[in-house]
PDB file of N, CA and C in Angstrom:
ATOM      1  N   MET A   1      49.911  57.932  27.092  1.00  0.00           N
ATOM      2  CA  MET A   1      49.315  58.898  26.197  1.00  0.00           C
ATOM      3  C   MET A   1      50.035  58.813  24.853  1.00  0.00           C
ATOM      4  N   GLU A   2      49.284  58.874  23.789  1.00  0.00           N
ATOM      5  CA  GLU A   2      49.839  58.752  22.460  1.00  0.00           C
ATOM      6  C   GLU A   2      50.466  60.063  22.004  1.00  0.00           C
ATOM      7  N   VAL A   3      51.427  59.938  21.108  1.00  0.00           N
ATOM      8  CA  VAL A   3      52.178  61.103  20.634  1.00  0.00           C
ATOM      9  C   VAL A   3      51.264  62.073  19.902  1.00  0.00           C
ATOM     10  N   GLU A   4      50.356  61.563  19.103  1.00  0.00           N
ATOM     11  CA  GLU A   4      49.460  62.441  18.343  1.00  0.00           C
ATOM     12  C   GLU A   4      48.580  63.270  19.276  1.00  0.00           C
ATOM     13  N   LYS A   5      48.107  62.669  20.355  1.00  0.00           N
ATOM     14  CA  LYS A   5      47.296  63.412  21.328  1.00  0.00           C
ATOM     15  C   LYS A   5      48.126  64.510  21.976  1.00  0.00           C
ATOM     16  N   ILE A   6      49.380  64.192  22.281  1.00  0.00           N
ATOM     17  CA  ILE A   6      50.265  65.174  22.912  1.00  0.00           C
ATOM     18  C   ILE A   6      50.546  66.316  21.940  1.00  0.00           C
ATOM     19  N   ARG A   7      50.776  65.993  20.677  1.00  0.00           N
ATOM     20  CA  ARG A   7      51.071  67.026  19.666  1.00  0.00           C
ATOM     21  C   ARG A   7      49.882  67.970  19.464  1.00  0.00           C
ATOM     22  N   ASN A   8      48.675  67.476  19.648  1.00  0.00           N
ATOM     23  CA  ASN A   8      47.490  68.307  19.442  1.00  0.00           C
ATOM     24  C   ASN A   8      47.204  69.248  20.610  1.00  0.00           C
ATOM     25  N   LEU A   9      47.896  69.092  21.728  1.00  0.00           N
ATOM     26  CA  LEU A   9      47.676  69.966  22.881  1.00  0.00           C
ATOM     27  C   LEU A   9      48.366  71.310  22.656  1.00  0.00           C
ATOM     28  N   SER A  10      47.800  72.365  23.259  1.00  0.00           N
ATOM     29  CA  SER A  10      48.440  73.680  23.201  1.00  0.00           C
ATOM     30  C   SER A  10      49.600  73.706  24.196  1.00  0.00           C
ATOM     31  N   ASP A  11      50.379  74.781  24.165  1.00  0.00           N
ATOM     32  CA  ASP A  11      51.534  74.890  25.063  1.00  0.00           C
ATOM     33  C   ASP A  11      51.111  74.854  26.529  1.00  0.00           C
ATOM     34  N   GLU A  12      50.031  75.573  26.862  1.00  0.00           N
ATOM     35  CA  GLU A  12      49.542  75.593  28.248  1.00  0.00           C
ATOM     36  C   GLU A  12      49.054  74.210  28.674  1.00  0.00           C
ATOM     37  N   GLU A  13      48.297  73.571  27.794  1.00  0.00           N
ATOM     38  CA  GLU A  13      47.793  72.234  28.110  1.00  0.00           C
ATOM     39  C   GLU A  13      48.934  71.239  28.260  1.00  0.00           C
ATOM     40  N   LEU A  14      49.977  71.438  27.461  1.00  0.00           N
ATOM     41  CA  LEU A  14      51.141  70.561  27.522  1.00  0.00           C
ATOM     42  C   LEU A  14      51.847  70.683  28.871  1.00  0.00           C
ATOM     43  N   ARG A  15      52.036  71.916  29.324  1.00  0.00           N
ATOM     44  CA  ARG A  15      52.670  72.133  30.638  1.00  0.00           C
ATOM     45  C   ARG A  15      51.806  71.568  31.763  1.00  0.00           C
ATOM     46  N   LEU A  16      50.497  71.750  31.655  1.00  0.00           N
ATOM     47  CA  LEU A  16      49.575  71.215  32.660  1.00  0.00           C
ATOM     48  C   LEU A  16      49.635  69.686  32.683  1.00  0.00           C
ATOM     49  N   GLU A  17      49.672  69.077  31.513  1.00  0.00           N
ATOM     50  CA  GLU A  17      49.739  67.612  31.426  1.00  0.00           C
ATOM     51  C   GLU A  17      51.059  67.093  32.002  1.00  0.00           C
ATOM     52  N   GLU A  18      52.147  67.820  31.749  1.00  0.00           N
ATOM     53  CA  GLU A  18      53.443  67.424  32.309  1.00  0.00           C
ATOM     54  C   GLU A  18      53.404  67.485  33.835  1.00  0.00           C
ATOM     55  N   ARG A  19      52.805  68.533  34.375  1.00  0.00           N
ATOM     56  CA  ARG A  19      52.702  68.680  35.818  1.00  0.00           C
ATOM     57  C   ARG A  19      51.853  67.559  36.428  1.00  0.00           C
ATOM     58  N   LYS A  20      50.728  67.246  35.797  1.00  0.00           N
ATOM     59  CA  LYS A  20      49.854  66.178  36.292  1.00  0.00           C
ATOM     60  C   LYS A  20      50.560  64.827  36.269  1.00  0.00           C
ATOM     61  N   THR A  21      51.250  64.564  35.175  1.00  0.00           N
ATOM     62  CA  THR A  21      51.949  63.292  35.036  1.00  0.00           C
ATOM     63  C   THR A  21      53.084  63.191  36.043  1.00  0.00           C
ATOM     64  N   GLY A  22      53.767  64.292  36.281  1.00  0.00           N
ATOM     65  CA  GLY A  22      54.835  64.313  37.278  1.00  0.00           C
ATOM     66  C   GLY A  22      54.315  64.034  38.680  1.00  0.00           C
ATOM     67  N   GLU A  23      53.168  64.628  39.000  1.00  0.00           N
ATOM     68  CA  GLU A  23      52.571  64.386  40.313  1.00  0.00           C
ATOM     69  C   GLU A  23      52.118  62.933  40.453  1.00  0.00           C
ATOM     70  N   ALA A  24      51.559  62.386  39.383  1.00  0.00           N
ATOM     71  CA  ALA A  24      51.131  60.984  39.422  1.00  0.00           C
ATOM     72  C   ALA A  24      52.337  60.063  39.607  1.00  0.00           C
ATOM     73  N   LEU A  25      53.428  60.399  38.951  1.00  0.00           N
ATOM     74  CA  LEU A  25      54.661  59.624  39.092  1.00  0.00           C
ATOM     75  C   LEU A  25      55.178  59.695  40.527  1.00  0.00           C
ATOM     76  N   PHE A  26      55.139  60.873  41.120  1.00  0.00           N
ATOM     77  CA  PHE A  26      55.571  61.045  42.505  1.00  0.00           C
ATOM     78  C   PHE A  26      54.730  60.196  43.454  1.00  0.00           C
ATOM     79  N   ARG A  27      53.397  60.252  43.275  1.00  0.00           N
ATOM     80  CA  ARG A  27      52.511  59.473  44.141  1.00  0.00           C
ATOM     81  C   ARG A  27      52.755  57.980  44.000  1.00  0.00           C
ATOM     82  N   LEU A  28      52.966  57.539  42.760  1.00  0.00           N
ATOM     83  CA  LEU A  28      53.198  56.118  42.516  1.00  0.00           C
ATOM     84  C   LEU A  28      54.509  55.660  43.157  1.00  0.00           C
ATOM     85  N   ARG A  29      55.541  56.476  43.040  1.00  0.00           N
ATOM     86  CA  ARG A  29      56.823  56.138  43.682  1.00  0.00           C
ATOM     87  C   ARG A  29      56.660  56.068  45.194  1.00  0.00           C
ATOM     88  N   PHE A  30      55.921  57.014  45.739  1.00  0.00           N
ATOM     89  CA  PHE A  30      55.679  57.054  47.178  1.00  0.00           C
ATOM     90  C   PHE A  30      54.947  55.787  47.629  1.00  0.00           C
ATOM     91  N   GLN A  31      53.919  55.393  46.890  1.00  0.00           N
ATOM     92  CA  GLN A  31      53.169  54.189  47.224  1.00  0.00           C
ATOM     93  C   GLN A  31      54.045  52.939  47.127  1.00  0.00           C
ATOM     94  N   MET A  32      54.925  52.917  46.138  1.00  0.00           N
ATOM     95  CA  MET A  32      55.812  51.765  45.989  1.00  0.00           C
ATOM     96  C   MET A  32      56.757  51.649  47.177  1.00  0.00           C
ATOM     97  N   LYS A  33      57.264  52.776  47.658  1.00  0.00           N
ATOM     98  CA  LYS A  33      58.155  52.751  48.820  1.00  0.00           C
ATOM     99  C   LYS A  33      57.429  52.283  50.072  1.00  0.00           C
ATOM    100  N   LEU A  34      56.164  52.607  50.165  1.00  0.00           N
ATOM    101  CA  LEU A  34      55.370  52.171  51.315  1.00  0.00           C
ATOM    102  C   LEU A  34      54.896  50.729  51.167  1.00  0.00           C
ATOM    103  N   GLY A  35      55.094  50.163  49.987  1.00  0.00           N
ATOM    104  CA  GLY A  35      54.690  48.787  49.755  1.00  0.00           C
ATOM    105  C   GLY A  35      53.223  48.629  49.449  1.00  0.00           C
ATOM    106  N   GLN A  36      52.543  49.713  49.097  1.00  0.00           N
ATOM    107  CA  GLN A  36      51.114  49.647  48.836  1.00  0.00           C
ATOM    108  C   GLN A  36      50.802  49.172  47.419  1.00  0.00           C
ATOM    109  N   THR A  37      51.747  49.300  46.504  1.00  0.00           N
ATOM    110  CA  THR A  37      51.501  48.912  45.120  1.00  0.00           C
ATOM    111  C   THR A  37      52.772  48.384  44.476  1.00  0.00           C
ATOM    112  N   GLU A  38      52.602  47.622  43.434  1.00  0.00           N
ATOM    113  CA  GLU A  38      53.733  47.138  42.663  1.00  0.00           C
ATOM    114  C   GLU A  38      53.531  47.529  41.208  1.00  0.00           C
ATOM    115  N   GLY A  39      53.276  48.796  40.956  1.00  0.00           N
ATOM    116  CA  GLY A  39      52.961  49.299  39.621  1.00  0.00           C
ATOM    117  C   GLY A  39      54.177  49.658  38.804  1.00  0.00           C
ATOM    118  N   VAL A  40      55.027  48.695  38.548  1.00  0.00           N
ATOM    119  CA  VAL A  40      56.242  48.956  37.785  1.00  0.00           C
ATOM    120  C   VAL A  40      55.905  49.345  36.351  1.00  0.00           C
ATOM    121  N   LYS A  41      54.918  48.685  35.774  1.00  0.00           N
ATOM    122  CA  LYS A  41      54.526  48.981  34.404  1.00  0.00           C
ATOM    123  C   LYS A  41      53.979  50.401  34.300  1.00  0.00           C
ATOM    124  N   LYS A  42      53.157  50.784  35.253  1.00  0.00           N
ATOM    125  CA  LYS A  42      52.580  52.127  35.263  1.00  0.00           C
ATOM    126  C   LYS A  42      53.684  53.171  35.455  1.00  0.00           C
ATOM    127  N   LEU A  43      54.667  52.852  36.287  1.00  0.00           N
ATOM    128  CA  LEU A  43      55.789  53.751  36.522  1.00  0.00           C
ATOM    129  C   LEU A  43      56.532  54.016  35.215  1.00  0.00           C
ATOM    130  N   ARG A  44      56.792  52.958  34.463  1.00  0.00           N
ATOM    131  CA  ARG A  44      57.484  53.094  33.173  1.00  0.00           C
ATOM    132  C   ARG A  44      56.677  53.952  32.207  1.00  0.00           C
ATOM    133  N   GLU A  45      55.378  53.696  32.159  1.00  0.00           N
ATOM    134  CA  GLU A  45      54.524  54.456  31.254  1.00  0.00           C
ATOM    135  C   GLU A  45      54.536  55.946  31.587  1.00  0.00           C
ATOM    136  N   LEU A  46      54.463  56.266  32.872  1.00  0.00           N
ATOM    137  CA  LEU A  46      54.465  57.672  33.278  1.00  0.00           C
ATOM    138  C   LEU A  46      55.782  58.349  32.922  1.00  0.00           C
ATOM    139  N   ARG A  47      56.897  57.648  33.151  1.00  0.00           N
ATOM    140  CA  ARG A  47      58.201  58.222  32.808  1.00  0.00           C
ATOM    141  C   ARG A  47      58.312  58.477  31.305  1.00  0.00           C
ATOM    142  N   LYS A  48      57.808  57.537  30.519  1.00  0.00           N
ATOM    143  CA  LYS A  48      57.857  57.705  29.067  1.00  0.00           C
ATOM    144  C   LYS A  48      56.942  58.841  28.611  1.00  0.00           C
ATOM    145  N   ASP A  49      55.783  58.975  29.252  1.00  0.00           N
ATOM    146  CA  ASP A  49      54.882  60.071  28.915  1.00  0.00           C
ATOM    147  C   ASP A  49      55.538  61.419  29.183  1.00  0.00           C
ATOM    148  N   ILE A  50      56.208  61.530  30.322  1.00  0.00           N
ATOM    149  CA  ILE A  50      56.896  62.782  30.649  1.00  0.00           C
ATOM    150  C   ILE A  50      57.980  63.066  29.618  1.00  0.00           C
ATOM    151  N   ALA A  51      58.702  62.042  29.219  1.00  0.00           N
ATOM    152  CA  ALA A  51      59.749  62.221  28.215  1.00  0.00           C
ATOM    153  C   ALA A  51      59.160  62.667  26.876  1.00  0.00           C
ATOM    154  N   ARG A  52      58.029  62.081  26.490  1.00  0.00           N
ATOM    155  CA  ARG A  52      57.381  62.476  25.233  1.00  0.00           C
ATOM    156  C   ARG A  52      56.937  63.931  25.287  1.00  0.00           C
ATOM    157  N   ILE A  53      56.354  64.321  26.419  1.00  0.00           N
ATOM    158  CA  ILE A  53      55.878  65.694  26.562  1.00  0.00           C
ATOM    159  C   ILE A  53      57.045  66.667  26.480  1.00  0.00           C
ATOM    160  N   LYS A  54      58.127  66.353  27.189  1.00  0.00           N
ATOM    161  CA  LYS A  54      59.297  67.242  27.165  1.00  0.00           C
ATOM    162  C   LYS A  54      59.916  67.308  25.775  1.00  0.00           C
ATOM    163  N   THR A  55      59.904  66.197  25.061  1.00  0.00           N
ATOM    164  CA  THR A  55      60.454  66.179  23.708  1.00  0.00           C
ATOM    165  C   THR A  55      59.652  67.088  22.790  1.00  0.00           C
ATOM    166  N   ILE A  56      58.344  67.002  22.884  1.00  0.00           N
ATOM    167  CA  ILE A  56      57.495  67.831  22.034  1.00  0.00           C
ATOM    168  C   ILE A  56      57.629  69.303  22.409  1.00  0.00           C
ATOM    169  N   GLU A  57      57.737  69.601  23.708  1.00  0.00           N
ATOM    170  CA  GLU A  57      57.973  70.986  24.136  1.00  0.00           C
ATOM    171  C   GLU A  57      59.262  71.522  23.535  1.00  0.00           C
ATOM    172  N   ARG A  58      60.304  70.707  23.572  1.00  0.00           N
ATOM    173  CA  ARG A  58      61.602  71.127  23.042  1.00  0.00           C
ATOM    174  C   ARG A  58      61.551  71.296  21.517  1.00  0.00           C
ATOM    175  N   GLN A  59      60.831  70.414  20.831  1.00  0.00           N
ATOM    176  CA  GLN A  59      60.688  70.551  19.389  1.00  0.00           C
ATOM    177  C   GLN A  59      59.999  71.857  19.039  1.00  0.00           C
ATOM    178  N   ARG A  60      58.972  72.196  19.786  1.00  0.00           N
ATOM    179  CA  ARG A  60      58.269  73.464  19.539  1.00  0.00           C
ATOM    180  C   ARG A  60      59.177  74.650  19.821  1.00  0.00           C
ATOM    181  N   GLU A  61      59.974  74.532  20.870  1.00  0.00           N
ATOM    182  CA  GLU A  61      60.891  75.610  21.230  1.00  0.00           C
ATOM    183  C   GLU A  61      61.917  75.848  20.116  1.00  0.00           C
ATOM    184  N   LEU A  62      62.365  74.769  19.489  1.00  0.00           N
ATOM    185  CA  LEU A  62      63.364  74.873  18.430  1.00  0.00           C
ATOM    186  C   LEU A  62      62.742  75.126  17.061  1.00  0.00           C
ATOM    187  N   GLY A  63      61.426  75.080  16.982  1.00  0.00           N
ATOM    188  CA  GLY A  63      60.752  75.316  15.717  1.00  0.00           C
ATOM    189  C   GLY A  63      60.663  74.076  14.848  1.00  0.00           C
ATOM    190  N   LEU A  64      60.745  72.917  15.449  1.00  0.00           N
ATOM    191  CA  LEU A  64      60.655  71.653  14.719  1.00  0.00           C
ATOM    192  C   LEU A  64      59.316  70.993  14.989  1.00  0.00           C
ATOM    193  N   GLN A  65      58.277  71.776  15.084  1.00  0.00           N
ATOM    194  CA  GLN A  65      56.986  71.292  15.566  1.00  0.00           C
ATOM    195  C   GLN A  65      56.456  70.105  14.787  1.00  0.00           C
ATOM    196  N   GLY A  66      56.439  70.141  13.475  1.00  0.00           N
ATOM    197  CA  GLY A  66      55.871  69.052  12.700  1.00  0.00           C
ATOM    198  C   GLY A  66      56.885  67.989  12.345  1.00  0.00           C
ATOM    199  N   ALA A  67      58.130  68.180  12.752  1.00  0.00           N
ATOM    200  CA  ALA A  67      59.181  67.247  12.357  1.00  0.00           C
ATOM    201  C   ALA A  67      59.081  65.960  13.146  1.00  0.00           C
ATOM    202  N   ALA A  68      59.045  64.880  12.420  1.00  0.00           N
ATOM    203  CA  ALA A  68      59.078  63.556  13.027  1.00  0.00           C
ATOM    204  C   ALA A  68      60.246  62.809  12.406  1.00  0.00           C
ATOM    205  N   PRO A  69      60.855  61.885  13.130  1.00  0.00           N
ATOM    206  CA  PRO A  69      61.987  61.164  12.557  1.00  0.00           C
ATOM    207  C   PRO A  69      61.564  60.383  11.316  1.00  0.00           C
ATOM    208  N   LYS A  70      62.394  60.442  10.268  1.00  0.00           N
ATOM    209  CA  LYS A  70      62.081  59.746   9.025  1.00  0.00           C
ATOM    210  C   LYS A  70      62.435  58.278   9.143  1.00  0.00           C
ATOM    211  N   ALA A  71      61.677  57.452   8.456  1.00  0.00           N
ATOM    212  CA  ALA A  71      61.908  56.010   8.505  1.00  0.00           C
ATOM    213  C   ALA A  71      63.160  55.636   7.716  1.00  0.00           C
ATOM    214  N   GLU A  72      63.361  56.274   6.562  1.00  0.00           N
ATOM    215  CA  GLU A  72      64.518  55.967   5.739  1.00  0.00           C
ATOM    216  C   GLU A  72      65.596  57.012   5.977  1.00  0.00           C
ATOM    217  N   SER A  73      66.799  56.554   6.118  1.00  0.00           N
ATOM    218  CA  SER A  73      67.922  57.438   6.361  1.00  0.00           C
ATOM    219  C   SER A  73      68.696  57.634   5.074  1.00  0.00           C
ATOM    220  N   THR A  74      69.172  58.863   4.838  1.00  0.00           N
ATOM    221  CA  THR A  74      69.966  59.148   3.647  1.00  0.00           C
ATOM    222  C   THR A  74      71.453  58.995   3.913  1.00  0.00           C
ATOM    223  N   THR A  75      71.823  58.798   5.171  1.00  0.00           N
ATOM    224  CA  THR A  75      73.237  58.639   5.496  1.00  0.00           C
ATOM    225  C   THR A  75      73.678  57.215   5.185  1.00  0.00           C
ATOM    226  N   PRO A  76      74.930  57.042   4.776  1.00  0.00           N
ATOM    227  CA  PRO A  76      75.404  55.687   4.464  1.00  0.00           C
ATOM    228  C   PRO A  76      75.478  54.833   5.719  1.00  0.00           C
ATOM    229  N   ALA A  77      75.393  53.528   5.516  1.00  0.00           N
ATOM    230  CA  ALA A  77      75.442  52.597   6.641  1.00  0.00           C
ATOM    231  C   ALA A  77      76.834  52.592   7.266  1.00  0.00           C
ATOM    232  N   LYS A  78      76.891  52.322   8.558  1.00  0.00           N
ATOM    233  CA  LYS A  78      78.165  52.279   9.259  1.00  0.00           C
ATOM    234  C   LYS A  78      78.903  50.995   8.913  1.00  0.00           C
ATOM    235  N   PRO A  79      80.242  51.023   8.991  1.00  0.00           N
ATOM    236  CA  PRO A  79      80.990  49.779   8.746  1.00  0.00           C
ATOM    237  C   PRO A  79      80.652  48.752   9.818  1.00  0.00           C
ATOM    238  N   ALA A  80      80.821  47.491   9.478  1.00  0.00           N
ATOM    239  CA  ALA A  80      80.422  46.402  10.365  1.00  0.00           C
ATOM    240  C   ALA A  80      81.131  46.467  11.709  1.00  0.00           C
ATOM    241  N   ARG A  81      82.436  46.630  11.710  1.00  0.00           N
ATOM    242  CA  ARG A  81      83.164  46.631  12.971  1.00  0.00           C
ATOM    243  C   ARG A  81      84.482  47.360  12.812  1.00  0.00           C
ATOM    244  N   LYS A  82      84.903  48.029  13.852  1.00  0.00           N
ATOM    245  CA  LYS A  82      86.193  48.709  13.842  1.00  0.00           C
ATOM    246  C   LYS A  82      87.270  47.752  14.316  1.00  0.00           C
ATOM    247  N   LYS A  83      88.489  48.018  13.899  1.00  0.00           N
ATOM    248  CA  LYS A  83      89.605  47.195  14.352  1.00  0.00           C
ATOM    249  C   LYS A  83      89.903  47.516  15.803  1.00  0.00           C
ATOM    250  N   ALA A  84      90.343  46.513  16.527  1.00  0.00           N
ATOM    251  CA  ALA A  84      90.657  46.697  17.942  1.00  0.00           C
ATOM    252  C   ALA A  84      91.907  47.538  18.089  1.00  0.00           C
ATOM    253  N   LYS A  85      91.930  48.362  19.094  1.00  0.00           N
ATOM    254  CA  LYS A  85      93.107  49.179  19.364  1.00  0.00           C
ATOM    255  C   LYS A  85      94.170  48.314  20.017  1.00  0.00           C
ATOM    256  N   PRO A  86      95.448  48.659  19.845  1.00  0.00           N
ATOM    257  CA  PRO A  86      96.516  47.828  20.403  1.00  0.00           C
ATOM    258  C   PRO A  86      96.467  47.693  21.916  1.00  0.00           C
ATOM    259  N   GLY A  87      96.038  48.702  22.626  1.00  0.00           N
ATOM    260  CA  GLY A  87      96.024  48.670  24.085  1.00  0.00           C
ATOM    261  C   GLY A  87      94.912  47.821  24.667  1.00  0.00           C
ATOM    262  N   ARG A  88      94.010  47.340  23.853  1.00  0.00           N
ATOM    263  CA  ARG A  88      92.858  46.584  24.326  1.00  0.00           C
ATOM    264  C   ARG A  88      93.196  45.145  24.679  1.00  0.00           C
ATOM    265  N   LYS A  89      94.299  44.621  24.189  1.00  0.00           N
ATOM    266  CA  LYS A  89      94.641  43.223  24.449  1.00  0.00           C
ATOM    267  C   LYS A  89      94.887  42.978  25.933  1.00  0.00           C
ATOM    268  N   LYS A  90      95.583  43.895  26.580  1.00  0.00           N
ATOM    269  CA  LYS A  90      95.865  43.728  28.004  1.00  0.00           C
ATOM    270  C   LYS A  90      94.577  43.729  28.815  1.00  0.00           C
ATOM    271  N   ALA A  91      93.676  44.626  28.476  1.00  0.00           N
ATOM    272  CA  ALA A  91      92.403  44.694  29.198  1.00  0.00           C
ATOM    273  C   ALA A  91      91.615  43.397  29.008  1.00  0.00           C
ATOM    274  N   ALA A  92      91.656  42.837  27.827  1.00  0.00           N
ATOM    275  CA  ALA A  92      90.940  41.589  27.573  1.00  0.00           C
ATOM    276  C   ALA A  92      91.552  40.446  28.378  1.00  0.00           C
ATOM    277  N   LYS A  93      92.875  40.422  28.478  1.00  0.00           N
ATOM    278  CA  LYS A  93      93.542  39.374  29.258  1.00  0.00           C
ATOM    279  C   LYS A  93      93.191  39.498  30.736  1.00  0.00           C
ATOM    280  N   LYS A  94      93.161  40.723  31.240  1.00  0.00           N
ATOM    281  CA  LYS A  94      92.809  40.936  32.646  1.00  0.00           C
ATOM    282  C   LYS A  94      91.373  40.485  32.909  1.00  0.00           C
ATOM    283  N   THR A  95      90.490  40.807  31.990  1.00  0.00           N
ATOM    284  CA  THR A  95      89.095  40.409  32.149  1.00  0.00           C
ATOM    285  C   THR A  95      88.970  38.892  32.151  1.00  0.00           C
ATOM    286  N   ALA A  96      89.689  38.237  31.248  1.00  0.00           N
ATOM    287  CA  ALA A  96      89.645  36.775  31.189  1.00  0.00           C
ATOM    288  C   ALA A  96      90.194  36.161  32.476  1.00  0.00           C
ATOM    289  N   ALA A  97      91.269  36.756  33.022  1.00  0.00           N
ATOM    290  CA  ALA A  97      91.848  36.252  34.260  1.00  0.00           C
ATOM    291  C   ALA A  97      90.871  36.422  35.418  1.00  0.00           C
ATOM    292  N   ARG A  98      90.159  37.537  35.431  1.00  0.00           N
ATOM    293  CA  ARG A  98      89.179  37.762  36.500  1.00  0.00           C
ATOM    294  C   ARG A  98      88.042  36.764  36.407  1.00  0.00           C
ATOM    295  N   LYS A  99      87.596  36.500  35.181  1.00  0.00           N
ATOM    296  CA  LYS A  99      86.490  35.563  35.007  1.00  0.00           C
ATOM    297  C   LYS A  99      86.896  34.149  35.401  1.00  0.00           C
ATOM    298  N   SER A 100      88.142  33.791  35.127  1.00  0.00           N
ATOM    299  CA  SER A 100      88.568  32.434  35.465  1.00  0.00           C
ATOM    300  C   SER A 100      88.786  32.278  36.966  1.00  0.00           C
ATOM    301  N   GLY A 101      88.995  33.371  37.676  1.00  0.00           N
ATOM    302  CA  GLY A 101      89.151  33.310  39.125  1.00  0.00           C
ATOM    303  C   GLY A 101      90.592  33.158  39.563  1.00  0.00           C
ATOM    304  N   ALA A 102      91.523  33.115  38.641  1.00  0.00           N
ATOM    305  CA  ALA A 102      92.922  32.912  38.996  1.00  0.00           C
ATOM    306  C   ALA A 102      93.456  34.067  39.830  1.00  0.00           C
ATOM    307  N   ARG A 103      93.138  35.246  39.442  1.00  0.00           N
ATOM    308  CA  ARG A 103      93.676  36.405  40.128  1.00  0.00           C
ATOM    309  C   ARG A 103      93.029  36.610  41.496  1.00  0.00           C
ATOM    310  N   THR A 104      91.757  36.339  41.595  1.00  0.00           N
ATOM    311  CA  THR A 104      91.049  36.573  42.856  1.00  0.00           C
ATOM    312  C   THR A 104      91.526  35.610  43.941  1.00  0.00           C
ATOM    313  N   THR A 105      91.823  34.360  43.579  1.00  0.00           N
ATOM    314  CA  THR A 105      92.294  33.421  44.592  1.00  0.00           C
ATOM    315  C   THR A 105      93.677  33.825  45.084  1.00  0.00           C
ATOM    316  N   ALA A 106      94.507  34.328  44.194  1.00  0.00           N
ATOM    317  CA  ALA A 106      95.832  34.780  44.601  1.00  0.00           C
ATOM    318  C   ALA A 106      95.704  35.966  45.547  1.00  0.00           C
ATOM    319  N   ARG A 107      94.789  36.838  45.250  1.00  0.00           N
ATOM    320  CA  ARG A 107      94.591  38.000  46.109  1.00  0.00           C
ATOM    321  C   ARG A 107      94.107  37.583  47.487  1.00  0.00           C
ATOM    322  N   ARG A 108      93.188  36.651  47.535  1.00  0.00           N
ATOM    323  CA  ARG A 108      92.648  36.221  48.821  1.00  0.00           C
ATOM    324  C   ARG A 108      93.720  35.583  49.686  1.00  0.00           C
ATOM    325  N   SER A 109      94.514  34.714  49.087  1.00  0.00           N
ATOM    326  CA  SER A 109      95.522  34.031  49.887  1.00  0.00           C
ATOM    327  C   SER A 109      96.606  35.009  50.357  1.00  0.00           C
ATOM    328  N   ALA A 110      96.919  36.005  49.541  1.00  0.00           N
ATOM    329  CA  ALA A 110      97.934  36.975  49.935  1.00  0.00           C
ATOM    330  C   ALA A 110      97.379  37.938  50.983  1.00  0.00           C
ATOM    331  N   ALA A 111      96.103  38.213  50.917  1.00  0.00           N
ATOM    332  CA  ALA A 111      95.509  39.174  51.838  1.00  0.00           C
ATOM    333  C   ALA A 111      95.293  38.581  53.225  1.00  0.00           C
ATOM    334  N   LYS A 112      95.081  37.272  53.310  1.00  0.00           N
ATOM    335  CA  LYS A 112      94.789  36.663  54.606  1.00  0.00           C
ATOM    336  C   LYS A 112      95.730  35.484  54.876  1.00  0.00           C
ATOM    337  N   PRO A 113      96.971  35.767  55.225  1.00  0.00           N
ATOM    338  CA  PRO A 113      97.886  34.665  55.489  1.00  0.00           C
ATOM    339  C   PRO A 113      97.502  33.883  56.745  1.00  0.00           C
ATOM    340  N   SER A 114      96.878  34.551  57.704  1.00  0.00           N
ATOM    341  CA  SER A 114      96.495  33.854  58.930  1.00  0.00           C
ATOM    342  C   SER A 114      95.421  32.804  58.656  1.00  0.00           C
ATOM    343  N   ALA A 115      94.555  33.072  57.693  1.00  0.00           N
ATOM    344  CA  ALA A 115      93.518  32.114  57.347  1.00  0.00           C
ATOM    345  C   ALA A 115      94.145  30.853  56.768  1.00  0.00           C
ATOM    346  N   ASN A 116      95.207  31.009  55.986  1.00  0.00           N
ATOM    347  CA  ASN A 116      95.884  29.844  55.403  1.00  0.00           C
ATOM    348  C   ASN A 116      96.557  29.009  56.488  1.00  0.00           C
ATOM    349  N   LYS A 117      97.115  29.661  57.481  1.00  0.00           N
ATOM    350  CA  LYS A 117      97.754  28.934  58.579  1.00  0.00           C
ATOM    351  C   LYS A 117      96.723  28.119  59.351  1.00  0.00           C
ATOM    352  N   LYS A 118      95.542  28.729  59.566  1.00  0.00           N
ATOM    353  CA  LYS A 118      94.482  28.031  60.291  1.00  0.00           C
ATOM    354  C   LYS A 118      94.022  26.798  59.513  1.00  0.00           C
ATOM    355  N   LYS A 119      93.878  26.948  58.201  1.00  0.00           N
ATOM    356  CA  LYS A 119      93.458  25.832  57.369  1.00  0.00           C
ATOM    357  C   LYS A 119      94.500  24.714  57.422  1.00  0.00           C
ATOM    358  N   ALA A 120      95.768  25.100  57.365  1.00  0.00           N
ATOM    359  CA  ALA A 120      96.834  24.101  57.384  1.00  0.00           C
ATOM    360  C   ALA A 120      96.842  23.381  58.733  1.00  0.00           C
ATOM    361  N   ALA A 121      96.619  24.114  59.823  1.00  0.00           N
ATOM    362  CA  ALA A 121      96.593  23.515  61.155  1.00  0.00           C
ATOM    363  C   ALA A 121      95.420  22.543  61.288  1.00  0.00           C
ATOM    364  N   ARG A 122      94.255  22.914  60.739  1.00  0.00           N
ATOM    365  CA  ARG A 122      93.080  22.057  60.787  1.00  0.00           C
ATOM    366  C   ARG A 122      93.290  20.778  59.998  1.00  0.00           C
ATOM    367  N   SER A 123      93.838  20.928  58.805  1.00  0.00           N
ATOM    368  CA  SER A 123      94.050  19.738  57.986  1.00  0.00           C
ATOM    369  C   SER A 123      95.108  18.830  58.601  1.00  0.00           C
ATOM    370  N   ALA A 124      96.115  19.412  59.276  1.00  0.00           N
ATOM    371  CA  ALA A 124      97.145  18.607  59.925  1.00  0.00           C
ATOM    372  C   ALA A 124      96.550  17.846  61.107  1.00  0.00           C
ATOM    373  N   SER A 125      95.664  18.500  61.868  1.00  0.00           N
ATOM    374  CA  SER A 125      95.046  17.847  63.015  1.00  0.00           C
ATOM    375  C   SER A 125      94.103  16.719  62.566  1.00  0.00           C
ATOM    376  N   VAL A 126      93.455  16.902  61.451  1.00  0.00           N
ATOM    377  CA  VAL A 126      92.548  15.890  60.924  1.00  0.00           C
ATOM    378  C   VAL A 126      93.346  14.662  60.487  1.00  0.00           C
ATOM    379  N   LYS A 127      94.485  14.896  59.847  1.00  0.00           N
ATOM    380  CA  LYS A 127      95.315  13.787  59.353  1.00  0.00           C
ATOM    381  C   LYS A 127      95.887  12.980  60.535  1.00  0.00           C
ATOM    382  N   LYS A 128      96.267  13.672  61.609  1.00  0.00           N
ATOM    383  CA  LYS A 128      96.857  12.995  62.785  1.00  0.00           C
ATOM    384  C   LYS A 128      95.809  12.165  63.518  1.00  0.00           C
ATOM    385  N   GLY A 129      94.638  12.739  63.668  1.00  0.00           N
ATOM    386  CA  GLY A 129      93.618  12.134  64.539  1.00  0.00           C
ATOM    387  C   GLY A 129      92.797  11.142  63.876  1.00  0.00           C
TER     388      GLY A 129
END
């Protein structure tokens, strides 16, 4: 449903439309769980419609009925990037170590010493035989 159509509805019609859309969303979710439909696109549309309706209800409640977001902003642009905090270096190193797999292999070998013994026994038997 388009925003202009939603804005033209009265408060009662808006609540009724929200209820109908909510019920349709419930039915669609139920059908998806049963495997009867794969309406992911329709699910998204219904969720967005409910959000639009609730937004317009809230705007009316606050007295911002005709207010729409402006295309041009009067606030200055944000700086390109902030400087990194000093404590972030350690976190970055840990992340890099996790991605490389160095830390995980050490953890595995320390956690399962019996597995390492079995591997060593197997490789020794293979070399002998």
